[in-house]
Amino acid sequence: MPDVPFLCAYRSALEITDADPYQEIARYCKTHRNKIDTVFNTLSYFDGVNFAARAQCPALFSVGLMDEVCPPRTVFAAYNHYAGPKQIRVWEFNHHEGGQAYQDAERLKFVKGLWQ
């Protein structure tokens, strides 16, 4: 049940947020311009999007549309690449906290549905 999955679609995140850790990558690339391809190639080994493509089990994702730590585009990248059955809860006015207690209730319903 990945709630606002972190560290997905690094390059996209760098285009839309000034938040760390993404800006830490930008600062590095700013001073090491000759290593940009190497940076993103290395980060691809840790990108949640690439792990999502291998998943098989049912999953419940969440996303806060105002999240600067895990920008929505990066969460949807992981969700869209997820290979198993999936659902997503979108929290329109939430940041990184997602739906909080409301998402807790959604997770309980999701697990209950798996056991029926």
Protein backbone atom coordinates (compact mmCIF):
# COMPACT_ATOMS: atom_id res chain seq x y z
CA MET A 1 0.00 0.00 0.00
CA PRO A 2 2.34 2.73 -1.20
CA ASP A 3 1.17 6.01 0.24
CA VAL A 4 2.58 8.93 -1.73
CA PRO A 5 5.49 6.83 -3.04
CA PHE A 6 8.84 8.55 -2.71
CA LEU A 7 11.77 8.75 -5.12
CA CYS A 8 9.99 8.01 -8.37
CA ALA A 9 10.61 9.62 -11.77
CA TYR A 10 13.55 11.72 -10.61
CA ARG A 11 13.91 13.79 -13.75
CA SER A 12 10.23 14.74 -13.72
CA ALA A 13 10.45 15.67 -10.05
CA LEU A 14 13.36 17.98 -10.78
CA GLU A 15 11.25 19.80 -13.34
CA ILE A 16 8.42 20.59 -10.92
CA THR A 17 9.65 20.95 -7.36
CA ASP A 18 12.24 22.97 -5.52
CA ALA A 19 12.08 20.58 -2.57
CA ASP A 20 14.92 18.38 -1.41
CA PRO A 21 16.09 15.74 -2.09
CA TYR A 22 15.44 16.57 -5.73
CA GLN A 23 17.16 19.94 -5.52
CA GLU A 24 20.18 18.22 -4.02
CA ILE A 25 20.45 16.34 -7.32
CA ALA A 26 20.02 19.60 -9.25
CA ARG A 27 22.78 21.27 -7.21
CA TYR A 28 25.10 18.37 -7.96
CA CYS A 29 24.29 18.46 -11.69
CA LYS A 30 24.78 22.22 -11.71
CA THR A 31 28.42 21.81 -10.73
CA HIS A 32 29.05 18.48 -12.49
CA ARG A 33 27.52 19.15 -15.90
CA ASN A 34 29.58 16.42 -17.54
CA LYS A 35 28.03 13.75 -15.28
CA ILE A 36 24.30 14.38 -15.80
CA ASP A 37 23.72 11.22 -17.86
CA THR A 38 25.65 9.18 -15.30
CA VAL A 39 23.61 10.69 -12.46
CA PHE A 40 20.26 9.75 -13.99
CA ASN A 41 21.47 6.35 -15.12
CA THR A 42 22.60 5.59 -11.56
CA LEU A 43 19.36 6.91 -10.06
CA SER A 44 17.36 4.65 -12.38
CA TYR A 45 18.53 1.71 -10.25
CA PHE A 46 16.65 3.22 -7.29
CA ASP A 47 13.65 4.66 -9.10
CA GLY A 48 10.35 3.35 -7.73
CA VAL A 49 8.87 3.43 -11.23
CA ASN A 50 11.23 0.63 -12.27
CA PHE A 51 10.27 -1.47 -9.24
CA ALA A 52 6.57 -0.87 -9.90
CA ALA A 53 6.88 -2.41 -13.34
CA ARG A 54 7.80 -5.75 -11.74
CA ALA A 55 5.05 -5.85 -9.10
CA GLN A 56 2.33 -8.49 -9.22
CA CYS A 57 0.27 -8.19 -6.02
CA PRO A 58 -2.79 -5.95 -5.57
CA ALA A 59 -1.86 -2.43 -4.49
CA LEU A 60 -3.55 0.65 -3.10
CA PHE A 61 -1.69 3.89 -3.87
CA SER A 62 -2.36 7.38 -2.56
CA VAL A 63 -1.36 10.81 -3.79
CA GLY A 64 -1.66 14.31 -2.38
CA LEU A 65 -2.15 16.71 -5.28
CA MET A 66 -0.36 19.51 -3.41
CA ASP A 67 2.64 17.38 -2.40
CA GLU A 68 6.03 18.96 -3.10
CA VAL A 69 8.04 16.09 -1.60
CA CYS A 70 6.42 13.49 -3.88
CA PRO A 71 4.98 15.52 -6.74
CA PRO A 72 1.78 13.99 -8.15
CA ARG A 73 3.34 13.41 -11.57
CA THR A 74 5.94 11.14 -9.98
CA VAL A 75 3.34 9.20 -7.99
CA PHE A 76 1.23 8.70 -11.11
CA ALA A 77 4.34 7.54 -12.98
CA ALA A 78 4.80 4.76 -10.43
CA TYR A 79 1.08 3.98 -10.43
CA ASN A 80 0.85 3.85 -14.22
CA HIS A 81 3.84 1.51 -14.44
CA TYR A 82 2.56 -0.78 -11.71
CA ALA A 83 2.12 -4.19 -13.30
CA GLY A 84 -0.28 -5.73 -10.78
CA PRO A 85 -3.91 -4.91 -10.03
CA LYS A 86 -4.07 -1.43 -8.59
CA GLN A 87 -6.21 1.34 -7.16
CA ILE A 88 -5.36 4.91 -6.22
CA ARG A 89 -6.88 7.40 -3.80
CA VAL A 90 -6.40 11.02 -4.79
CA TRP A 91 -6.34 13.62 -2.02
CA GLU A 92 -6.99 16.86 -3.82
CA PHE A 93 -5.98 19.37 -1.14
CA ASN A 94 -3.35 17.38 0.73
CA HIS A 95 0.40 17.61 0.74
CA HIS A 96 2.80 14.81 1.65
CA GLU A 97 0.61 13.64 4.51
CA GLY A 98 -1.84 12.30 1.95
CA GLY A 99 -5.27 11.49 3.31
CA GLN A 100 -4.01 10.76 6.84
CA ALA A 101 -6.83 9.13 8.85
CA TYR A 102 -9.02 8.99 5.75
CA GLN A 103 -6.31 7.05 3.94
CA ASP A 104 -5.98 4.78 6.99
CA ALA A 105 -9.66 3.92 6.59
CA GLU A 106 -9.14 3.31 2.86
CA ARG A 107 -6.26 0.95 3.62
CA LEU A 108 -8.39 -1.03 6.07
CA LYS A 109 -11.18 -1.37 3.49
CA PHE A 110 -8.61 -2.44 0.88
CA VAL A 111 -7.15 -5.16 3.12
CA LYS A 112 -10.61 -6.33 4.14
CA GLY A 113 -11.50 -6.65 0.45
CA LEU A 114 -8.45 -8.86 -0.12
CA TRP A 115 -9.59 -11.29 2.59
CA GLN A 116 -13.14 -11.71 1.31
